[in-house]
């Protein structure tokens, strides 16, 4: 997963449901030194009664914001969505020099 273009990452998940697993795995894929490199990471554990499985809200360096409901996605789908925009930002950086 390409994380160097991420500036803000907010992850909410319900640990008591199977749907929250995708958000937890996504959080574990973030590099350990991400906070030192300028990424702000916020995690929220939802209560047991919550009907929401998980939400990942990511902001990129260009200001683009992606908010996804992880109860309807797999981890691979979530990573692909993030990488799609990151690859576009890398192309822009390569072309601008």
PDB file of N, CA and C in Angstrom:
ATOM      1  N   UNK A   1       0.842  -1.173   0.000  1.00  0.00           N
ATOM      2  CA  UNK A   1       0.000   0.000   0.000  1.00  0.00           C
ATOM      3  C   UNK A   1       0.888   1.237   0.000  1.00  0.00           C
ATOM      4  N   UNK A   2       0.558   2.202  -0.847  1.00  0.00           N
ATOM      5  CA  UNK A   2       1.318   3.446  -0.983  1.00  0.00           C
ATOM      6  C   UNK A   2       0.786   4.442   0.042  1.00  0.00           C
ATOM      7  N   UNK A   3       1.600   4.757   1.047  1.00  0.00           N
ATOM      8  CA  UNK A   3       1.118   5.619   2.126  1.00  0.00           C
ATOM      9  C   UNK A   3       1.810   6.974   2.181  1.00  0.00           C
ATOM     10  N   UNK A   4       2.772   7.238   1.316  1.00  0.00           N
ATOM     11  CA  UNK A   4       3.517   8.490   1.444  1.00  0.00           C
ATOM     12  C   UNK A   4       2.690   9.708   1.043  1.00  0.00           C
ATOM     13  N   UNK A   5       1.546   9.522   0.376  1.00  0.00           N
ATOM     14  CA  UNK A   5       0.692  10.644  -0.016  1.00  0.00           C
ATOM     15  C   UNK A   5      -0.480  10.853   0.940  1.00  0.00           C
ATOM     16  N   UNK A   6      -0.577  10.054   1.979  1.00  0.00           N
ATOM     17  CA  UNK A   6      -1.655  10.188   2.961  1.00  0.00           C
ATOM     18  C   UNK A   6      -1.258  11.213   4.017  1.00  0.00           C
ATOM     19  N   UNK A   7      -2.182  12.108   4.375  1.00  0.00           N
ATOM     20  CA  UNK A   7      -1.893  13.086   5.420  1.00  0.00           C
ATOM     21  C   UNK A   7      -2.740  12.871   6.666  1.00  0.00           C
ATOM     22  N   UNK A   8      -3.940  12.344   6.487  1.00  0.00           N
ATOM     23  CA  UNK A   8      -4.842  12.177   7.613  1.00  0.00           C
ATOM     24  C   UNK A   8      -5.617  10.884   7.428  1.00  0.00           C
ATOM     25  N   UNK A   9      -5.702  10.085   8.463  1.00  0.00           N
ATOM     26  CA  UNK A   9      -6.397   8.806   8.380  1.00  0.00           C
ATOM     27  C   UNK A   9      -7.217   8.619   9.659  1.00  0.00           C
ATOM     28  N   UNK A  10      -8.535   8.546   9.506  1.00  0.00           N
ATOM     29  CA  UNK A  10      -9.429   8.320  10.640  1.00  0.00           C
ATOM     30  C   UNK A  10     -10.123   6.976  10.440  1.00  0.00           C
ATOM     31  N   UNK A  11      -9.959   6.091  11.403  1.00  0.00           N
ATOM     32  CA  UNK A  11     -10.493   4.736  11.302  1.00  0.00           C
ATOM     33  C   UNK A  11     -11.439   4.501  12.471  1.00  0.00           C
ATOM     34  N   UNK A  12     -12.676   4.119  12.161  1.00  0.00           N
ATOM     35  CA  UNK A  12     -13.659   3.763  13.177  1.00  0.00           C
ATOM     36  C   UNK A  12     -14.085   2.331  12.920  1.00  0.00           C
ATOM     37  N   UNK A  13     -14.120   1.522  13.973  1.00  0.00           N
ATOM     38  CA  UNK A  13     -14.518   0.129  13.782  1.00  0.00           C
ATOM     39  C   UNK A  13     -15.181  -0.417  15.028  1.00  0.00           C
ATOM     40  N   UNK A  14     -16.025  -1.402  14.811  1.00  0.00           N
ATOM     41  CA  UNK A  14     -16.697  -2.107  15.889  1.00  0.00           C
ATOM     42  C   UNK A  14     -15.984  -3.450  16.056  1.00  0.00           C
ATOM     43  N   UNK A  15     -15.239  -3.648  17.133  1.00  0.00           N
ATOM     44  CA  UNK A  15     -14.468  -4.882  17.283  1.00  0.00           C
ATOM     45  C   UNK A  15     -15.333  -6.111  17.557  1.00  0.00           C
ATOM     46  N   UNK A  16     -16.610  -5.909  17.820  1.00  0.00           N
ATOM     47  CA  UNK A  16     -17.477  -7.022  18.175  1.00  0.00           C
ATOM     48  C   UNK A  16     -18.208  -7.617  16.979  1.00  0.00           C
ATOM     49  N   UNK A  17     -17.996  -7.039  15.804  1.00  0.00           N
ATOM     50  CA  UNK A  17     -18.650  -7.564  14.608  1.00  0.00           C
ATOM     51  C   UNK A  17     -17.611  -8.047  13.610  1.00  0.00           C
ATOM     52  N   UNK A  18     -18.051  -8.910  12.731  1.00  0.00           N
ATOM     53  CA  UNK A  18     -17.173  -9.414  11.685  1.00  0.00           C
ATOM     54  C   UNK A  18     -16.867  -8.322  10.657  1.00  0.00           C
ATOM     55  N   UNK A  19     -17.792  -7.377  10.482  1.00  0.00           N
ATOM     56  CA  UNK A  19     -17.621  -6.303   9.502  1.00  0.00           C
ATOM     57  C   UNK A  19     -16.505  -5.335   9.896  1.00  0.00           C
ATOM     58  N   UNK A  20     -16.149  -5.242  11.162  1.00  0.00           N
ATOM     59  CA  UNK A  20     -15.092  -4.344  11.605  1.00  0.00           C
ATOM     60  C   UNK A  20     -13.700  -4.863  11.320  1.00  0.00           C
ATOM     61  N   UNK A  21     -13.604  -6.081  10.871  1.00  0.00           N
ATOM     62  CA  UNK A  21     -12.301  -6.702  10.625  1.00  0.00           C
ATOM     63  C   UNK A  21     -11.522  -5.987   9.524  1.00  0.00           C
ATOM     64  N   UNK A  22     -12.203  -5.547   8.474  1.00  0.00           N
ATOM     65  CA  UNK A  22     -11.529  -4.878   7.362  1.00  0.00           C
ATOM     66  C   UNK A  22     -10.855  -3.597   7.825  1.00  0.00           C
ATOM     67  N   UNK A  23     -11.527  -2.810   8.639  1.00  0.00           N
ATOM     68  CA  UNK A  23     -10.949  -1.557   9.134  1.00  0.00           C
ATOM     69  C   UNK A  23      -9.760  -1.827  10.054  1.00  0.00           C
ATOM     70  N   UNK A  24      -9.847  -2.865  10.879  1.00  0.00           N
ATOM     71  CA  UNK A  24      -8.731  -3.198  11.771  1.00  0.00           C
ATOM     72  C   UNK A  24      -7.516  -3.647  10.983  1.00  0.00           C
ATOM     73  N   UNK A  25      -7.721  -4.434   9.950  1.00  0.00           N
ATOM     74  CA  UNK A  25      -6.592  -4.894   9.133  1.00  0.00           C
ATOM     75  C   UNK A  25      -5.976  -3.722   8.368  1.00  0.00           C
ATOM     76  N   UNK A  26      -6.827  -2.810   7.879  1.00  0.00           N
ATOM     77  CA  UNK A  26      -6.299  -1.619   7.204  1.00  0.00           C
ATOM     78  C   UNK A  26      -5.418  -0.812   8.153  1.00  0.00           C
ATOM     79  N   UNK A  27      -5.836  -0.661   9.385  1.00  0.00           N
ATOM     80  CA  UNK A  27      -5.035   0.076  10.367  1.00  0.00           C
ATOM     81  C   UNK A  27      -3.697  -0.617  10.608  1.00  0.00           C
ATOM     82  N   UNK A  28      -3.680  -1.935  10.576  1.00  0.00           N
ATOM     83  CA  UNK A  28      -2.425  -2.649  10.790  1.00  0.00           C
ATOM     84  C   UNK A  28      -1.496  -2.549   9.585  1.00  0.00           C
ATOM     85  N   UNK A  29      -2.020  -2.203   8.416  1.00  0.00           N
ATOM     86  CA  UNK A  29      -1.186  -2.058   7.221  1.00  0.00           C
ATOM     87  C   UNK A  29      -0.459  -0.716   7.156  1.00  0.00           C
ATOM     88  N   UNK A  30      -0.872   0.241   7.970  1.00  0.00           N
ATOM     89  CA  UNK A  30      -0.178   1.524   8.004  1.00  0.00           C
ATOM     90  C   UNK A  30       1.206   1.327   8.609  1.00  0.00           C
ATOM     91  N   UNK A  31       2.232   1.969   8.042  1.00  0.00           N
ATOM     92  CA  UNK A  31       3.595   1.756   8.554  1.00  0.00           C
ATOM     93  C   UNK A  31       3.769   2.296   9.966  1.00  0.00           C
ATOM     94  N   UNK A  32       4.636   1.684  10.744  1.00  0.00           N
ATOM     95  CA  UNK A  32       4.833   2.117  12.140  1.00  0.00           C
ATOM     96  C   UNK A  32       5.369   3.542  12.270  1.00  0.00           C
ATOM     97  N   UNK A  33       6.124   4.016  11.295  1.00  0.00           N
ATOM     98  CA  UNK A  33       6.699   5.362  11.381  1.00  0.00           C
ATOM     99  C   UNK A  33       5.845   6.414  10.669  1.00  0.00           C
ATOM    100  N   UNK A  34       4.596   6.098  10.377  1.00  0.00           N
ATOM    101  CA  UNK A  34       3.729   7.017   9.632  1.00  0.00           C
ATOM    102  C   UNK A  34       3.497   8.315  10.395  1.00  0.00           C
ATOM    103  N   UNK A  35       3.348   8.247  11.697  1.00  0.00           N
ATOM    104  CA  UNK A  35       3.116   9.464  12.488  1.00  0.00           C
ATOM    105  C   UNK A  35       4.334  10.382  12.475  1.00  0.00           C
ATOM    106  N   UNK A  36       5.514   9.799  12.435  1.00  0.00           N
ATOM    107  CA  UNK A  36       6.722  10.613  12.390  1.00  0.00           C
ATOM    108  C   UNK A  36       6.904  11.277  11.033  1.00  0.00           C
ATOM    109  N   UNK A  37       6.323  10.695  10.001  1.00  0.00           N
ATOM    110  CA  UNK A  37       6.438  11.248   8.653  1.00  0.00           C
ATOM    111  C   UNK A  37       5.327  12.239   8.322  1.00  0.00           C
ATOM    112  N   UNK A  38       4.518  12.620   9.304  1.00  0.00           N
ATOM    113  CA  UNK A  38       3.530  13.665   9.107  1.00  0.00           C
ATOM    114  C   UNK A  38       2.097  13.192   8.943  1.00  0.00           C
ATOM    115  N   UNK A  39       1.832  11.922   9.028  1.00  0.00           N
ATOM    116  CA  UNK A  39       0.457  11.429   8.901  1.00  0.00           C
ATOM    117  C   UNK A  39      -0.220  11.482  10.262  1.00  0.00           C
ATOM    118  N   UNK A  40      -1.447  11.984  10.271  1.00  0.00           N
ATOM    119  CA  UNK A  40      -2.238  11.996  11.498  1.00  0.00           C
ATOM    120  C   UNK A  40      -3.175  10.803  11.455  1.00  0.00           C
ATOM    121  N   UNK A  41      -3.100   9.967  12.464  1.00  0.00           N
ATOM    122  CA  UNK A  41      -3.912   8.755  12.524  1.00  0.00           C
ATOM    123  C   UNK A  41      -4.807   8.839  13.752  1.00  0.00           C
ATOM    124  N   UNK A  42      -6.111   8.656  13.522  1.00  0.00           N
ATOM    125  CA  UNK A  42      -7.075   8.660  14.618  1.00  0.00           C
ATOM    126  C   UNK A  42      -7.900   7.382  14.518  1.00  0.00           C
ATOM    127  N   UNK A  43      -7.966   6.653  15.612  1.00  0.00           N
ATOM    128  CA  UNK A  43      -8.784   5.445  15.636  1.00  0.00           C
ATOM    129  C   UNK A  43      -9.882   5.612  16.672  1.00  0.00           C
ATOM    130  N   UNK A  44     -11.043   5.084  16.326  1.00  0.00           N
ATOM    131  CA  UNK A  44     -12.189   5.137  17.230  1.00  0.00           C
ATOM    132  C   UNK A  44     -12.782   3.744  17.324  1.00  0.00           C
ATOM    133  N   UNK A  45     -12.923   3.256  18.538  1.00  0.00           N
ATOM    134  CA  UNK A  45     -13.558   1.964  18.763  1.00  0.00           C
ATOM    135  C   UNK A  45     -15.026   2.227  19.065  1.00  0.00           C
ATOM    136  N   UNK A  46     -15.885   1.688  18.228  1.00  0.00           N
ATOM    137  CA  UNK A  46     -17.326   1.899  18.382  1.00  0.00           C
ATOM    138  C   UNK A  46     -17.896   0.958  19.441  1.00  0.00           C
ATOM    139  N   UNK A  47     -18.979   1.323  20.085  1.00  0.00           N
ATOM    140  CA  UNK A  47     -19.567   0.458  21.109  1.00  0.00           C
ATOM    141  C   UNK A  47     -20.204  -0.794  20.507  1.00  0.00           C
ATOM    142  N   UNK A  48     -20.457  -1.748  21.352  1.00  0.00           N
ATOM    143  CA  UNK A  48     -21.016  -3.031  20.938  1.00  0.00           C
ATOM    144  C   UNK A  48     -22.365  -2.876  20.223  1.00  0.00           C
ATOM    145  N   UNK A  49     -23.170  -1.892  20.630  1.00  0.00           N
ATOM    146  CA  UNK A  49     -24.508  -1.711  20.061  1.00  0.00           C
ATOM    147  C   UNK A  49     -24.495  -1.051  18.687  1.00  0.00           C
ATOM    148  N   UNK A  50     -23.356  -0.543  18.265  1.00  0.00           N
ATOM    149  CA  UNK A  50     -23.264   0.178  17.001  1.00  0.00           C
ATOM    150  C   UNK A  50     -23.571  -0.743  15.825  1.00  0.00           C
ATOM    151  N   UNK A  51     -24.338  -0.219  14.883  1.00  0.00           N
ATOM    152  CA  UNK A  51     -24.686  -0.982  13.681  1.00  0.00           C
ATOM    153  C   UNK A  51     -23.655  -0.793  12.576  1.00  0.00           C
ATOM    154  N   UNK A  52     -22.733   0.137  12.768  1.00  0.00           N
ATOM    155  CA  UNK A  52     -21.688   0.399  11.776  1.00  0.00           C
ATOM    156  C   UNK A  52     -20.564  -0.603  11.975  1.00  0.00           C
ATOM    157  N   UNK A  53     -20.149  -1.248  10.892  1.00  0.00           N
ATOM    158  CA  UNK A  53     -19.055  -2.206  10.978  1.00  0.00           C
ATOM    159  C   UNK A  53     -17.711  -1.509  11.036  1.00  0.00           C
ATOM    160  N   UNK A  54     -17.499  -0.544  10.159  1.00  0.00           N
ATOM    161  CA  UNK A  54     -16.249   0.190  10.136  1.00  0.00           C
ATOM    162  C   UNK A  54     -16.272   1.273   9.075  1.00  0.00           C
ATOM    163  N   UNK A  55     -15.541   2.348   9.336  1.00  0.00           N
ATOM    164  CA  UNK A  55     -15.431   3.460   8.393  1.00  0.00           C
ATOM    165  C   UNK A  55     -13.964   3.886   8.347  1.00  0.00           C
ATOM    166  N   UNK A  56     -13.461   4.063   7.133  1.00  0.00           N
ATOM    167  CA  UNK A  56     -12.115   4.571   6.931  1.00  0.00           C
ATOM    168  C   UNK A  56     -12.240   5.881   6.173  1.00  0.00           C
ATOM    169  N   UNK A  57     -11.692   6.949   6.746  1.00  0.00           N
ATOM    170  CA  UNK A  57     -11.731   8.279   6.145  1.00  0.00           C
ATOM    171  C   UNK A  57     -10.293   8.737   5.959  1.00  0.00           C
ATOM    172  N   UNK A  58      -9.866   8.898   4.700  1.00  0.00           N
ATOM    173  CA  UNK A  58      -8.480   9.216   4.387  1.00  0.00           C
ATOM    174  C   UNK A  58      -8.418  10.519   3.597  1.00  0.00           C
ATOM    175  N   UNK A  59      -7.471  11.389   3.971  1.00  0.00           N
ATOM    176  CA  UNK A  59      -7.215  12.627   3.245  1.00  0.00           C
ATOM    177  C   UNK A  59      -5.815  12.542   2.652  1.00  0.00           C
ATOM    178  N   UNK A  60      -5.698  12.931   1.383  1.00  0.00           N
ATOM    179  CA  UNK A  60      -4.426  12.893   0.670  1.00  0.00           C
ATOM    180  C   UNK A  60      -3.777  14.266   0.672  1.00  0.00           C
ATOM    181  N   UNK A  61      -2.513  14.346   0.231  1.00  0.00           N
ATOM    182  CA  UNK A  61      -1.769  15.597   0.233  1.00  0.00           C
ATOM    183  C   UNK A  61      -2.390  16.661  -0.655  1.00  0.00           C
ATOM    184  N   UNK A  62      -3.110  16.249  -1.696  1.00  0.00           N
ATOM    185  CA  UNK A  62      -3.735  17.212  -2.591  1.00  0.00           C
ATOM    186  C   UNK A  62      -5.104  17.675  -2.092  1.00  0.00           C
ATOM    187  N   UNK A  63      -5.537  17.205  -0.921  1.00  0.00           N
ATOM    188  CA  UNK A  63      -6.802  17.610  -0.332  1.00  0.00           C
ATOM    189  C   UNK A  63      -7.960  16.679  -0.660  1.00  0.00           C
ATOM    190  N   UNK A  64      -7.739  15.697  -1.507  1.00  0.00           N
ATOM    191  CA  UNK A  64      -8.786  14.743  -1.868  1.00  0.00           C
ATOM    192  C   UNK A  64      -9.119  13.881  -0.654  1.00  0.00           C
ATOM    193  N   UNK A  65     -10.417  13.665  -0.427  1.00  0.00           N
ATOM    194  CA  UNK A  65     -10.871  12.900   0.735  1.00  0.00           C
ATOM    195  C   UNK A  65     -11.650  11.682   0.271  1.00  0.00           C
ATOM    196  N   UNK A  66     -11.327  10.525   0.823  1.00  0.00           N
ATOM    197  CA  UNK A  66     -12.044   9.289   0.522  1.00  0.00           C
ATOM    198  C   UNK A  66     -12.594   8.749   1.835  1.00  0.00           C
ATOM    199  N   UNK A  67     -13.912   8.523   1.865  1.00  0.00           N
ATOM    200  CA  UNK A  67     -14.569   7.958   3.050  1.00  0.00           C
ATOM    201  C   UNK A  67     -15.293   6.696   2.606  1.00  0.00           C
ATOM    202  N   UNK A  68     -14.909   5.557   3.162  1.00  0.00           N
ATOM    203  CA  UNK A  68     -15.449   4.270   2.734  1.00  0.00           C
ATOM    204  C   UNK A  68     -16.033   3.499   3.902  1.00  0.00           C
ATOM    205  N   UNK A  69     -17.152   2.833   3.638  1.00  0.00           N
ATOM    206  CA  UNK A  69     -17.765   1.926   4.609  1.00  0.00           C
ATOM    207  C   UNK A  69     -17.127   0.559   4.403  1.00  0.00           C
ATOM    208  N   UNK A  70     -16.397   0.087   5.398  1.00  0.00           N
ATOM    209  CA  UNK A  70     -15.629  -1.142   5.231  1.00  0.00           C
ATOM    210  C   UNK A  70     -16.453  -2.406   5.426  1.00  0.00           C
ATOM    211  N   UNK A  71     -17.696  -2.276   5.834  1.00  0.00           N
ATOM    212  CA  UNK A  71     -18.505  -3.476   6.020  1.00  0.00           C
ATOM    213  C   UNK A  71     -18.915  -4.083   4.685  1.00  0.00           C
ATOM    214  N   UNK A  72     -18.778  -3.318   3.615  1.00  0.00           N
ATOM    215  CA  UNK A  72     -19.156  -3.802   2.294  1.00  0.00           C
ATOM    216  C   UNK A  72     -17.951  -4.098   1.408  1.00  0.00           C
ATOM    217  N   UNK A  73     -16.741  -4.080   1.983  1.00  0.00           N
ATOM    218  CA  UNK A  73     -15.525  -4.225   1.190  1.00  0.00           C
ATOM    219  C   UNK A  73     -14.580  -5.220   1.841  1.00  0.00           C
ATOM    220  N   UNK A  74     -13.685  -5.753   1.024  1.00  0.00           N
ATOM    221  CA  UNK A  74     -12.597  -6.559   1.555  1.00  0.00           C
ATOM    222  C   UNK A  74     -11.383  -5.648   1.748  1.00  0.00           C
ATOM    223  N   UNK A  75     -10.355  -6.155   2.384  1.00  0.00           N
ATOM    224  CA  UNK A  75      -9.146  -5.378   2.610  1.00  0.00           C
ATOM    225  C   UNK A  75      -8.485  -5.051   1.278  1.00  0.00           C
ATOM    226  N   UNK A  76      -8.473  -6.002   0.358  1.00  0.00           N
ATOM    227  CA  UNK A  76      -7.862  -5.768  -0.954  1.00  0.00           C
ATOM    228  C   UNK A  76      -8.585  -4.657  -1.708  1.00  0.00           C
ATOM    229  N   UNK A  77      -9.909  -4.614  -1.622  1.00  0.00           N
ATOM    230  CA  UNK A  77     -10.674  -3.545  -2.275  1.00  0.00           C
ATOM    231  C   UNK A  77     -10.335  -2.190  -1.675  1.00  0.00           C
ATOM    232  N   UNK A  78     -10.215  -2.138  -0.369  1.00  0.00           N
ATOM    233  CA  UNK A  78      -9.904  -0.895   0.330  1.00  0.00           C
ATOM    234  C   UNK A  78      -8.510  -0.389  -0.039  1.00  0.00           C
ATOM    235  N   UNK A  79      -7.541  -1.279  -0.056  1.00  0.00           N
ATOM    236  CA  UNK A  79      -6.169  -0.911  -0.418  1.00  0.00           C
ATOM    237  C   UNK A  79      -6.118  -0.455  -1.869  1.00  0.00           C
ATOM    238  N   UNK A  80      -6.842  -1.116  -2.745  1.00  0.00           N
ATOM    239  CA  UNK A  80      -6.860  -0.735  -4.160  1.00  0.00           C
ATOM    240  C   UNK A  80      -7.438   0.665  -4.351  1.00  0.00           C
ATOM    241  N   UNK A  81      -8.467   1.019  -3.597  1.00  0.00           N
ATOM    242  CA  UNK A  81      -9.044   2.364  -3.682  1.00  0.00           C
ATOM    243  C   UNK A  81      -8.023   3.427  -3.264  1.00  0.00           C
ATOM    244  N   UNK A  82      -7.283   3.156  -2.203  1.00  0.00           N
ATOM    245  CA  UNK A  82      -6.278   4.105  -1.731  1.00  0.00           C
ATOM    246  C   UNK A  82      -5.109   4.203  -2.712  1.00  0.00           C
ATOM    247  N   UNK A  83      -4.672   3.068  -3.221  1.00  0.00           N
ATOM    248  CA  UNK A  83      -3.542   3.048  -4.147  1.00  0.00           C
ATOM    249  C   UNK A  83      -3.887   3.698  -5.480  1.00  0.00           C
ATOM    250  N   UNK A  84      -5.128   3.621  -5.896  1.00  0.00           N
ATOM    251  CA  UNK A  84      -5.540   4.217  -7.174  1.00  0.00           C
ATOM    252  C   UNK A  84      -5.270   5.715  -7.171  1.00  0.00           C
ATOM    253  N   UNK A  85      -5.653   6.398  -6.112  1.00  0.00           N
ATOM    254  CA  UNK A  85      -5.410   7.838  -6.046  1.00  0.00           C
ATOM    255  C   UNK A  85      -3.930   8.133  -5.790  1.00  0.00           C
ATOM    256  N   UNK A  86      -3.265   7.307  -5.000  1.00  0.00           N
ATOM    257  CA  UNK A  86      -1.841   7.511  -4.718  1.00  0.00           C
ATOM    258  C   UNK A  86      -0.993   7.366  -5.982  1.00  0.00           C
ATOM    259  N   UNK A  87      -1.346   6.421  -6.837  1.00  0.00           N
ATOM    260  CA  UNK A  87      -0.598   6.258  -8.094  1.00  0.00           C
ATOM    261  C   UNK A  87      -0.774   7.481  -8.982  1.00  0.00           C
ATOM    262  N   UNK A  88      -1.958   8.079  -8.990  1.00  0.00           N
ATOM    263  CA  UNK A  88      -2.174   9.308  -9.753  1.00  0.00           C
ATOM    264  C   UNK A  88      -1.325  10.451  -9.219  1.00  0.00           C
ATOM    265  N   UNK A  89      -1.210  10.562  -7.908  1.00  0.00           N
ATOM    266  CA  UNK A  89      -0.362  11.590  -7.315  1.00  0.00           C
ATOM    267  C   UNK A  89       1.113  11.342  -7.616  1.00  0.00           C
ATOM    268  N   UNK A  90       1.521  10.087  -7.645  1.00  0.00           N
ATOM    269  CA  UNK A  90       2.915   9.783  -7.992  1.00  0.00           C
ATOM    270  C   UNK A  90       3.209  10.157  -9.428  1.00  0.00           C
ATOM    271  N   UNK A  91       2.267   9.909 -10.327  1.00  0.00           N
ATOM    272  CA  UNK A  91       2.451  10.306 -11.735  1.00  0.00           C
ATOM    273  C   UNK A  91       2.603  11.805 -11.847  1.00  0.00           C
ATOM    274  N   UNK A  92       1.781  12.567 -11.121  1.00  0.00           N
ATOM    275  CA  UNK A  92       1.878  14.027 -11.145  1.00  0.00           C
ATOM    276  C   UNK A  92       3.257  14.483 -10.655  1.00  0.00           C
ATOM    277  N   UNK A  93       3.740  13.844  -9.575  1.00  0.00           N
ATOM    278  CA  UNK A  93       5.068  14.202  -9.049  1.00  0.00           C
ATOM    279  C   UNK A  93       6.165  13.875 -10.051  1.00  0.00           C
ATOM    280  N   UNK A  94       6.065  12.737 -10.713  1.00  0.00           N
ATOM    281  CA  UNK A  94       7.081  12.342 -11.693  1.00  0.00           C
ATOM    282  C   UNK A  94       7.089  13.288 -12.894  1.00  0.00           C
ATOM    283  N   UNK A  95       5.922  13.699 -13.340  1.00  0.00           N
ATOM    284  CA  UNK A  95       5.841  14.583 -14.496  1.00  0.00           C
ATOM    285  C   UNK A  95       6.277  16.002 -14.174  1.00  0.00           C
ATOM    286  N   UNK A  96       6.034  16.456 -12.956  1.00  0.00           N
ATOM    287  CA  UNK A  96       6.416  17.831 -12.593  1.00  0.00           C
ATOM    288  C   UNK A  96       7.901  17.926 -12.247  1.00  0.00           C
ATOM    289  N   UNK A  97       8.505  16.806 -11.959  1.00  0.00           N
ATOM    290  CA  UNK A  97       9.952  16.810 -11.731  1.00  0.00           C
ATOM    291  C   UNK A  97      10.272  16.913 -10.336  1.00  0.00           C
TER     292      UNK A  97
END
